[in-house]
Amino acid sequence: VLTTAMVGCNDDEPPALALVSLTANGIDLNAATSATGIPVGATIVATFNVAVDQASANSSISLVRQFDNQNFPATISVNGAEVTINPNTDFSTGTLFILTFGAGLKSTEGKTLT
């Protein structure tokens, strides 16, 4: 007698959202504690492993000026797995800015950032 037990699994489960790269005008920001030499007119590009949901990007990505903790207005656009953060005005020379990807950021499949 031969008995085989099988457990099905769904190999089509979409992956969690993960940041692959983060640059500002070609300067690598990924894992940088405090990047320097960023041009004042820089555009920030975040590349993820899967397509990003535009609505969640708009509500979950923030750019804050560190010295007064004020939001720094930026236009956020999504093209598949690439998110572009384009500040509405130039960065101030010598000023620290903090870019945050909040917990609400999701892929188009509804998976959150890990």
Protein backbone atom coordinates (compact mmCIF):
# COMPACT_ATOMS: atom_id res chain seq x y z
CA VAL A 1 0.00 0.00 0.00
CA LEU A 2 1.37 3.42 -0.98
CA THR A 3 -0.16 6.51 0.55
CA THR A 4 0.88 10.03 -0.39
CA ALA A 5 -0.22 13.15 1.42
CA MET A 6 0.05 16.51 -0.30
CA VAL A 7 -0.46 20.00 0.95
CA GLY A 8 -1.20 22.63 -1.63
CA CYS A 9 0.48 26.00 -1.56
CA ASN A 10 -0.05 29.12 -3.54
CA ASP A 11 3.15 29.96 -5.39
CA ASP A 12 1.40 33.00 -6.82
CA GLU A 13 1.48 34.90 -3.52
CA PRO A 14 2.79 38.37 -4.39
CA PRO A 15 6.01 39.41 -2.64
CA ALA A 16 6.12 42.07 0.05
CA LEU A 17 7.12 45.56 -1.05
CA ALA A 18 10.87 46.15 -0.61
CA LEU A 19 13.14 49.08 -1.44
CA VAL A 20 15.79 48.15 -4.02
CA SER A 21 17.55 51.48 -4.55
CA LEU A 22 17.29 55.13 -3.54
CA THR A 23 19.11 57.88 -5.43
CA ALA A 24 19.12 61.66 -5.79
CA ASN A 25 20.44 62.78 -9.17
CA GLY A 26 22.41 59.54 -9.37
CA ILE A 27 23.88 59.77 -5.84
CA ASP A 28 23.21 56.60 -3.84
CA LEU A 29 21.14 57.34 -0.73
CA ASN A 30 20.31 53.75 0.15
CA ALA A 31 21.66 53.03 3.66
CA ALA A 32 23.18 56.51 3.90
CA THR A 33 22.84 57.87 7.41
CA SER A 34 23.25 61.44 6.24
CA ALA A 35 24.05 61.83 2.55
CA THR A 36 26.05 64.89 1.56
CA GLY A 37 26.68 66.64 -1.73
CA ILE A 38 23.08 66.38 -2.92
CA PRO A 39 22.36 69.14 -5.47
CA VAL A 40 19.76 71.67 -4.29
CA GLY A 41 17.56 70.86 -7.31
CA ALA A 42 17.79 67.08 -6.90
CA THR A 43 15.00 64.68 -7.78
CA ILE A 44 14.81 61.57 -5.59
CA VAL A 45 14.08 58.20 -7.20
CA ALA A 46 13.11 55.16 -5.14
CA THR A 47 13.03 51.82 -6.94
CA PHE A 48 11.10 48.94 -5.40
CA ASN A 49 10.93 45.23 -6.21
CA VAL A 50 7.31 45.42 -7.41
CA ALA A 51 4.86 48.05 -8.69
CA VAL A 52 3.82 50.68 -6.13
CA ASP A 53 0.27 51.92 -5.51
CA GLN A 54 0.07 55.66 -6.35
CA ALA A 55 -2.54 56.53 -3.70
CA SER A 56 -0.53 54.90 -0.91
CA ALA A 57 2.64 56.65 -2.13
CA ASN A 58 0.90 60.03 -1.97
CA SER A 59 -0.26 59.45 1.60
CA SER A 60 2.74 57.52 3.00
CA ILE A 61 5.85 59.26 1.67
CA SER A 62 6.99 62.42 3.41
CA LEU A 63 9.92 64.77 3.10
CA VAL A 64 10.61 66.85 6.21
CA ARG A 65 13.07 69.67 6.81
CA GLN A 66 14.92 68.59 9.97
CA PHE A 67 15.64 71.92 11.71
CA ASP A 68 11.98 72.94 12.06
CA ASN A 69 10.26 69.58 11.44
CA GLN A 70 8.19 71.10 8.63
CA ASN A 71 6.89 69.10 5.67
CA PHE A 72 8.76 69.98 2.50
CA PRO A 73 6.20 69.88 -0.32
CA ALA A 74 7.01 67.50 -3.15
CA THR A 75 5.28 65.94 -6.12
CA ILE A 76 5.22 62.16 -5.92
CA SER A 77 4.76 60.16 -9.09
CA VAL A 78 4.72 56.42 -9.59
CA ASN A 79 5.68 54.52 -12.73
CA GLY A 80 5.48 50.82 -11.94
CA ALA A 81 8.17 50.03 -9.36
CA GLU A 82 9.77 53.48 -9.61
CA VAL A 83 8.66 56.33 -7.34
CA THR A 84 9.91 59.84 -8.12
CA ILE A 85 9.90 62.47 -5.38
CA ASN A 86 10.35 65.91 -6.91
CA PRO A 87 10.51 68.72 -4.32
CA ASN A 88 8.33 71.69 -5.29
CA THR A 89 11.24 74.05 -4.48
CA ASP A 90 15.00 73.53 -4.32
CA PHE A 91 16.59 72.11 -1.19
CA SER A 92 18.29 74.66 1.05
CA THR A 93 22.09 74.45 1.01
CA GLY A 94 23.44 72.78 4.15
CA THR A 95 20.01 71.73 5.42
CA LEU A 96 19.17 68.19 6.51
CA PHE A 97 16.00 66.67 5.04
CA ILE A 98 14.39 63.44 6.21
CA LEU A 99 12.61 61.20 3.70
CA THR A 100 10.18 58.70 5.22
CA PHE A 101 8.37 55.77 3.62
CA GLY A 102 5.47 55.17 6.01
CA ALA A 103 3.81 51.89 6.97
CA GLY A 104 0.88 52.65 4.66
CA LEU A 105 3.01 52.35 1.52
CA LYS A 106 1.73 49.42 -0.52
CA SER A 107 2.34 47.57 -3.74
CA THR A 108 -0.39 47.42 -6.37
CA GLU A 109 -1.07 43.93 -4.95
CA GLY A 110 -1.74 45.41 -1.48
CA LYS A 111 1.49 44.19 0.11
CA THR A 112 3.17 46.52 2.59
CA LEU A 113 6.75 47.68 2.91
CA THR A 114 9.12 45.34 4.73
